[in-house]
C-alpha atoms as a PDB file:
ATOM      1  CA  UNK A   1      48.648 -24.397  -3.781  1.00  0.00           C
ATOM      2  CA  UNK A   2      51.851 -22.505  -4.305  1.00  0.00           C
ATOM      3  CA  UNK A   3      55.109 -23.965  -2.402  1.00  0.00           C
ATOM      4  CA  UNK A   4      54.985 -20.668  -0.566  1.00  0.00           C
ATOM      5  CA  UNK A   5      51.891 -21.158   0.519  1.00  0.00           C
ATOM      6  CA  UNK A   6      52.639 -24.855   1.790  1.00  0.00           C
ATOM      7  CA  UNK A   7      56.118 -23.604   3.069  1.00  0.00           C
ATOM      8  CA  UNK A   8      54.384 -21.038   5.124  1.00  0.00           C
ATOM      9  CA  UNK A   9      51.598 -23.252   6.188  1.00  0.00           C
ATOM     10  CA  UNK A  10      54.014 -26.000   7.324  1.00  0.00           C
ATOM     11  CA  UNK A  11      56.398 -23.322   9.187  1.00  0.00           C
ATOM     12  CA  UNK A  12      53.189 -21.942  11.104  1.00  0.00           C
ATOM     13  CA  UNK A  13      52.642 -25.416  12.178  1.00  0.00           C
ATOM     14  CA  UNK A  14      55.995 -26.532  13.143  1.00  0.00           C
ATOM     15  CA  UNK A  15      56.375 -23.400  14.909  1.00  0.00           C
ATOM     16  CA  UNK A  16      53.412 -22.509  16.876  1.00  0.00           C
ATOM     17  CA  UNK A  17      51.967 -26.172  17.312  1.00  0.00           C
ATOM     18  CA  UNK A  18      52.230 -27.392  20.894  1.00  0.00           C
ATOM     19  CA  UNK A  19      50.833 -30.662  21.124  1.00  0.00           C
ATOM     20  CA  UNK A  20      49.556 -31.673  24.843  1.00  0.00           C
ATOM     21  CA  UNK A  21      48.873 -28.421  25.508  1.00  0.00           C
ATOM     22  CA  UNK A  22      46.027 -27.316  27.878  1.00  0.00           C
ATOM     23  CA  UNK A  23      43.107 -28.691  25.638  1.00  0.00           C
ATOM     24  CA  UNK A  24      41.328 -25.426  26.912  1.00  0.00           C
ATOM     25  CA  UNK A  25      43.874 -23.068  25.928  1.00  0.00           C
ATOM     26  CA  UNK A  26      44.040 -24.996  22.612  1.00  0.00           C
ATOM     27  CA  UNK A  27      40.815 -24.702  21.875  1.00  0.00           C
ATOM     28  CA  UNK A  28      40.587 -21.097  22.706  1.00  0.00           C
ATOM     29  CA  UNK A  29      43.317 -20.480  20.124  1.00  0.00           C
ATOM     30  CA  UNK A  30      42.193 -22.492  17.631  1.00  0.00           C
ATOM     31  CA  UNK A  31      39.050 -20.577  17.893  1.00  0.00           C
ATOM     32  CA  UNK A  32      40.798 -17.373  17.159  1.00  0.00           C
ATOM     33  CA  UNK A  33      43.287 -18.336  14.347  1.00  0.00           C
ATOM     34  CA  UNK A  34      39.857 -20.242  12.256  1.00  0.00           C
ATOM     35  CA  UNK A  35      37.590 -17.384  13.461  1.00  0.00           C
ATOM     36  CA  UNK A  36      35.013 -16.657  10.552  1.00  0.00           C
ATOM     37  CA  UNK A  37      36.089 -20.054   9.147  1.00  0.00           C
ATOM     38  CA  UNK A  38      32.979 -23.162   8.339  1.00  0.00           C
ATOM     39  CA  UNK A  39      33.236 -26.701   8.990  1.00  0.00           C
ATOM     40  CA  UNK A  40      31.719 -28.858   6.512  1.00  0.00           C
ATOM     41  CA  UNK A  41      27.880 -30.245   7.482  1.00  0.00           C
ATOM     42  CA  UNK A  42      27.738 -33.299   9.921  1.00  0.00           C
ATOM     43  CA  UNK A  43      31.947 -32.946  10.426  1.00  0.00           C
ATOM     44  CA  UNK A  44      33.066 -34.727  13.065  1.00  0.00           C
ATOM     45  CA  UNK A  45      35.988 -33.597  15.130  1.00  0.00           C
ATOM     46  CA  UNK A  46      39.241 -35.407  15.148  1.00  0.00           C
ATOM     47  CA  UNK A  47      41.692 -33.379  16.712  1.00  0.00           C
ATOM     48  CA  UNK A  48      43.061 -29.315  17.626  1.00  0.00           C
ATOM     49  CA  UNK A  49      46.648 -28.506  18.053  1.00  0.00           C
ATOM     50  CA  UNK A  50      47.090 -25.037  18.458  1.00  0.00           C
ATOM     51  CA  UNK A  51      50.326 -22.274  19.392  1.00  0.00           C
ATOM     52  CA  UNK A  52      50.797 -19.100  19.932  1.00  0.00           C
ATOM     53  CA  UNK A  53      50.217 -17.852  16.157  1.00  0.00           C
ATOM     54  CA  UNK A  54      48.278 -20.785  14.381  1.00  0.00           C
ATOM     55  CA  UNK A  55      46.123 -23.802  15.099  1.00  0.00           C
ATOM     56  CA  UNK A  56      44.961 -26.655  12.889  1.00  0.00           C
ATOM     57  CA  UNK A  57      41.485 -28.366  13.815  1.00  0.00           C
ATOM     58  CA  UNK A  58      41.494 -32.043  11.865  1.00  0.00           C
ATOM     59  CA  UNK A  59      37.416 -33.419  11.047  1.00  0.00           C
ATOM     60  CA  UNK A  60      36.171 -35.940   9.450  1.00  0.00           C
ATOM     61  CA  UNK A  61      33.051 -36.640   7.783  1.00  0.00           C
ATOM     62  CA  UNK A  62      31.491 -39.339   5.691  1.00  0.00           C
ATOM     63  CA  UNK A  63      30.647 -37.313   2.324  1.00  0.00           C
ATOM     64  CA  UNK A  64      33.549 -37.697  -0.474  1.00  0.00           C
ATOM     65  CA  UNK A  65      36.371 -35.535  -1.565  1.00  0.00           C
ATOM     66  CA  UNK A  66      34.980 -33.861  -4.585  1.00  0.00           C
ATOM     67  CA  UNK A  67      31.688 -33.511  -2.707  1.00  0.00           C
ATOM     68  CA  UNK A  68      33.246 -31.530   0.426  1.00  0.00           C
ATOM     69  CA  UNK A  69      36.136 -29.765  -1.667  1.00  0.00           C
ATOM     70  CA  UNK A  70      32.782 -28.435  -4.186  1.00  0.00           C
ATOM     71  CA  UNK A  71      31.153 -27.313  -1.103  1.00  0.00           C
ATOM     72  CA  UNK A  72      33.968 -25.489   0.067  1.00  0.00           C
ATOM     73  CA  UNK A  73      34.612 -23.555  -3.010  1.00  0.00           C
ATOM     74  CA  UNK A  74      30.943 -22.162  -2.821  1.00  0.00           C
ATOM     75  CA  UNK A  75      30.690 -21.836   0.786  1.00  0.00           C
ATOM     76  CA  UNK A  76      34.111 -19.653   1.473  1.00  0.00           C
ATOM     77  CA  UNK A  77      33.381 -17.739  -1.590  1.00  0.00           C
ATOM     78  CA  UNK A  78      29.757 -16.880  -0.308  1.00  0.00           C
ATOM     79  CA  UNK A  79      31.911 -15.688   3.290  1.00  0.00           C
ATOM     80  CA  UNK A  80      33.664 -13.327   2.151  1.00  0.00           C
ATOM     81  CA  UNK A  81      36.807 -15.449   1.826  1.00  0.00           C
ATOM     82  CA  UNK A  82      38.666 -15.252  -1.582  1.00  0.00           C
ATOM     83  CA  UNK A  83      40.113 -18.403  -3.462  1.00  0.00           C
ATOM     84  CA  UNK A  84      43.426 -18.143  -3.765  1.00  0.00           C
ATOM     85  CA  UNK A  85      44.474 -21.354  -4.502  1.00  0.00           C
ATOM     86  CA  UNK A  86      42.607 -24.631  -5.158  1.00  0.00           C
ATOM     87  CA  UNK A  87      44.727 -27.724  -6.538  1.00  0.00           C
ATOM     88  CA  UNK A  88      44.619 -31.485  -6.251  1.00  0.00           C
ATOM     89  CA  UNK A  89      47.345 -33.853  -6.471  1.00  0.00           C
ATOM     90  CA  UNK A  90      47.613 -37.487  -8.355  1.00  0.00           C
ATOM     91  CA  UNK A  91      46.378 -39.214  -4.999  1.00  0.00           C
ATOM     92  CA  UNK A  92      43.216 -36.987  -4.868  1.00  0.00           C
ATOM     93  CA  UNK A  93      44.327 -34.802  -2.204  1.00  0.00           C
ATOM     94  CA  UNK A  94      42.455 -31.690  -2.528  1.00  0.00           C
ATOM     95  CA  UNK A  95      44.296 -28.274  -1.411  1.00  0.00           C
ATOM     96  CA  UNK A  96      42.668 -24.842  -0.979  1.00  0.00           C
ATOM     97  CA  UNK A  97      44.135 -21.599   0.169  1.00  0.00           C
ATOM     98  CA  UNK A  98      41.971 -18.672   1.114  1.00  0.00           C
ATOM     99  CA  UNK A  99      42.095 -15.534   2.834  1.00  0.00           C
ATOM    100  CA  UNK A 100      39.357 -12.762   4.078  1.00  0.00           C
ATOM    101  CA  UNK A 101      40.802  -9.622   5.317  1.00  0.00           C
ATOM    102  CA  UNK A 102      44.453 -10.665   5.549  1.00  0.00           C
ATOM    103  CA  UNK A 103      43.110 -13.721   7.691  1.00  0.00           C
ATOM    104  CA  UNK A 104      45.022 -17.222   5.989  1.00  0.00           C
ATOM    105  CA  UNK A 105      42.952 -20.108   5.850  1.00  0.00           C
ATOM    106  CA  UNK A 106      44.370 -23.746   4.419  1.00  0.00           C
ATOM    107  CA  UNK A 107      42.369 -26.615   3.864  1.00  0.00           C
ATOM    108  CA  UNK A 108      43.562 -30.052   3.161  1.00  0.00           C
ATOM    109  CA  UNK A 109      41.086 -32.901   2.097  1.00  0.00           C
ATOM    110  CA  UNK A 110      42.255 -36.181   1.569  1.00  0.00           C
ATOM    111  CA  UNK A 111      40.166 -39.718   1.388  1.00  0.00           C
ATOM    112  CA  UNK A 112      39.597 -41.713   4.402  1.00  0.00           C
ATOM    113  CA  UNK A 113      41.771 -44.985   4.349  1.00  0.00           C
ATOM    114  CA  UNK A 114      39.718 -48.301   4.217  1.00  0.00           C
ATOM    115  CA  UNK A 115      36.452 -46.709   4.461  1.00  0.00           C
ATOM    116  CA  UNK A 116      34.494 -44.106   2.814  1.00  0.00           C
ATOM    117  CA  UNK A 117      34.459 -40.350   3.379  1.00  0.00           C
ATOM    118  CA  UNK A 118      36.882 -37.321   3.993  1.00  0.00           C
ATOM    119  CA  UNK A 119      39.406 -36.265   6.755  1.00  0.00           C
ATOM    120  CA  UNK A 120      40.256 -32.789   6.346  1.00  0.00           C
ATOM    121  CA  UNK A 121      42.296 -29.989   8.249  1.00  0.00           C
ATOM    122  CA  UNK A 122      41.589 -26.675   8.414  1.00  0.00           C
ATOM    123  CA  UNK A 123      44.706 -24.362   9.319  1.00  0.00           C
ATOM    124  CA  UNK A 124      44.474 -20.968  10.376  1.00  0.00           C
ATOM    125  CA  UNK A 125      46.786 -18.108  11.813  1.00  0.00           C
ATOM    126  CA  UNK A 126      46.038 -15.817  14.187  1.00  0.00           C
ATOM    127  CA  UNK A 127      47.076 -11.928  11.984  1.00  0.00           C
ATOM    128  CA  UNK A 128      48.562  -9.092  13.941  1.00  0.00           C
ATOM    129  CA  UNK A 129      45.225  -7.153  13.953  1.00  0.00           C
ATOM    130  CA  UNK A 130      43.702 -10.071  15.834  1.00  0.00           C
ATOM    131  CA  UNK A 131      46.503 -10.018  18.771  1.00  0.00           C
ATOM    132  CA  UNK A 132      45.627  -6.156  18.369  1.00  0.00           C
ATOM    133  CA  UNK A 133      42.176  -6.689  19.546  1.00  0.00           C
ATOM    134  CA  UNK A 134      42.955  -9.460  22.342  1.00  0.00           C
ATOM    135  CA  UNK A 135      45.883  -6.978  23.643  1.00  0.00           C
ATOM    136  CA  UNK A 136      42.446  -4.321  23.940  1.00  0.00           C
END
């Protein structure tokens, strides 16, 4: 993932996420921001954060990071997402950026601390086309 993609993701989260907001509103906004994305099978929801323009969902799964990353590489491509960036750092964290019809999706996968499995985040943004559809 390029520094520009990371900067955009962090800016969206910093500006858009409202911790402690109404849980139902956060879920609705997350559904809009992450529309068309998919979660790894047998994942469990950890948290949802959402603002006006972006949402972050944190999930966990007993599967290893490499398994989850490979699944996403295939599943995103099969579901019409274009992989734009796919990188792993020295600690084993995998960051994937994809888009579909102008809709961005950032995935960050990390090994669980103190136990097996993976915790991962999905970050999506509400694009202008979504806002126009919502207003109608």
